[in-house]
Protein backbone atom coordinates (compact mmCIF):
# COMPACT_ATOMS: atom_id res chain seq x y z
CA MET A 1 18.10 14.45 6.33
CA GLU A 2 14.49 14.70 5.16
CA LYS A 3 13.47 11.50 7.03
CA ILE A 4 14.14 13.23 10.37
CA HIS A 5 11.47 15.81 9.60
CA LEU A 6 8.97 13.14 8.56
CA TYR A 7 9.20 11.36 11.91
CA ASP A 8 8.76 14.61 13.87
CA LYS A 9 4.98 14.51 13.30
CA ILE A 10 4.49 11.03 14.82
CA ILE A 11 5.28 10.51 18.51
CA SER A 12 4.17 6.89 18.90
CA PRO A 13 1.51 4.41 17.77
CA MET A 14 -1.29 3.87 20.25
CA VAL A 15 -1.67 0.19 21.07
CA THR A 16 -4.82 -0.19 23.11
CA GLU A 17 -7.79 -2.53 22.97
CA LYS A 18 -9.85 0.07 21.16
CA SER A 19 -7.14 0.81 18.59
CA THR A 20 -6.63 -2.89 17.82
CA ASN A 21 -10.37 -3.21 17.20
CA LEU A 22 -10.11 -0.26 14.80
CA SER A 23 -7.45 -2.10 12.79
CA GLU A 24 -10.20 -4.39 11.45
CA GLN A 25 -11.64 -1.29 9.73
CA ASN A 26 -8.25 -0.28 8.22
CA LYS A 27 -7.75 2.42 10.89
CA ILE A 28 -4.62 3.09 12.93
CA ALA A 29 -4.18 5.47 15.89
CA PHE A 30 -1.05 7.54 16.51
CA LYS A 31 -0.10 9.99 19.25
CA VAL A 32 1.00 13.19 17.50
CA PRO A 33 2.37 16.57 18.69
CA MET A 34 -0.03 19.40 19.46
CA SER A 35 1.24 21.33 16.42
CA ALA A 36 0.35 18.56 13.93
CA ASN A 37 -2.34 19.09 11.29
CA LYS A 38 -4.11 16.80 8.83
CA THR A 39 -2.31 17.81 5.64
CA THR A 40 1.23 17.34 6.97
CA LEU A 41 0.25 14.10 8.73
CA LYS A 42 -1.17 12.69 5.52
CA LYS A 43 1.98 13.51 3.52
CA ASN A 44 4.32 12.15 6.20
CA ILE A 45 2.46 8.87 6.75
CA GLU A 46 2.19 8.22 3.02
CA LYS A 47 5.95 8.79 2.60
CA ILE A 48 7.07 6.81 5.67
CA PHE A 49 4.82 3.75 5.37
CA LYS A 50 4.09 3.86 1.60
CA VAL A 51 0.31 3.53 1.99
CA ASN A 52 -2.67 5.55 0.72
CA VAL A 53 -4.44 7.61 3.39
CA ILE A 54 -8.14 8.19 2.79
CA LYS A 55 -9.12 10.15 5.91
CA ILE A 56 -7.63 11.53 9.13
CA ASN A 57 -9.56 12.30 12.32
CA ILE A 58 -7.80 14.30 15.04
CA ILE A 59 -8.84 14.21 18.70
CA ASN A 60 -7.52 16.61 21.36
CA LYS A 61 -7.34 15.14 24.85
CA GLN A 62 -7.38 17.97 27.39
CA ASN A 63 -5.28 18.28 30.55
CA ARG A 64 -6.97 16.76 33.58
CA SER A 65 -6.24 16.07 37.22
CA LYS A 66 -6.68 12.82 39.09
CA LEU A 67 -6.16 11.55 42.61
CA THR A 68 -3.11 9.37 43.19
CA ARG A 69 -2.40 8.22 46.75
CA GLY A 70 -4.56 11.01 48.11
CA LYS A 71 -2.81 13.78 46.15
CA LYS A 72 -4.00 15.67 43.10
CA VAL A 73 -1.79 14.95 40.12
CA LYS A 74 -1.93 16.75 36.79
CA VAL A 75 -2.15 14.47 33.73
CA SER A 76 -1.02 16.25 30.57
CA GLY A 77 -3.17 16.17 27.46
CA PHE A 78 -2.16 15.03 24.01
CA LYS A 79 -3.38 14.91 20.42
CA LYS A 80 -4.47 11.63 18.83
CA ALA A 81 -4.81 10.99 15.09
CA ILE A 82 -6.91 8.15 13.72
CA ILE A 83 -5.85 7.38 10.16
CA THR A 84 -8.07 5.50 7.71
CA LEU A 85 -6.15 3.58 5.05
CA LYS A 86 -7.22 2.40 1.62
CA LYS A 87 -8.96 -1.00 1.68
CA GLY A 88 -6.48 -3.87 1.63
CA GLN A 89 -3.55 -1.83 2.99
CA SER A 90 -2.16 -1.99 6.52
CA ILE A 91 0.73 -0.78 8.66
CA ASP A 92 2.62 -3.35 10.73
CA LEU A 93 3.25 -1.63 14.08
CA THR A 94 5.36 -4.48 15.44
CA THR A 95 8.28 -3.69 13.11
CA GLY A 96 8.85 -0.26 14.69
CA ILE A 97 9.32 3.13 13.14
């Protein structure tokens, strides 16, 4: 029952070119809900993946609009967390959550 609440604070891992380059520095990026904060994220990630979290940086991406086929389309914003792990530790994102 408790595991359900742990996974509520992580929406998905972000697999982009920039995030894969960050993995060389023991950093991993996750998309998290707008209500997430650093303390609960740290506790949840340490319990789920059994790693030691050193630092968490949170970035808020704002809503924006872009042109698609000549029409304005609203792109919703999201919150991104970049987690720094202890040296020598890693999270394998290919296994799934």
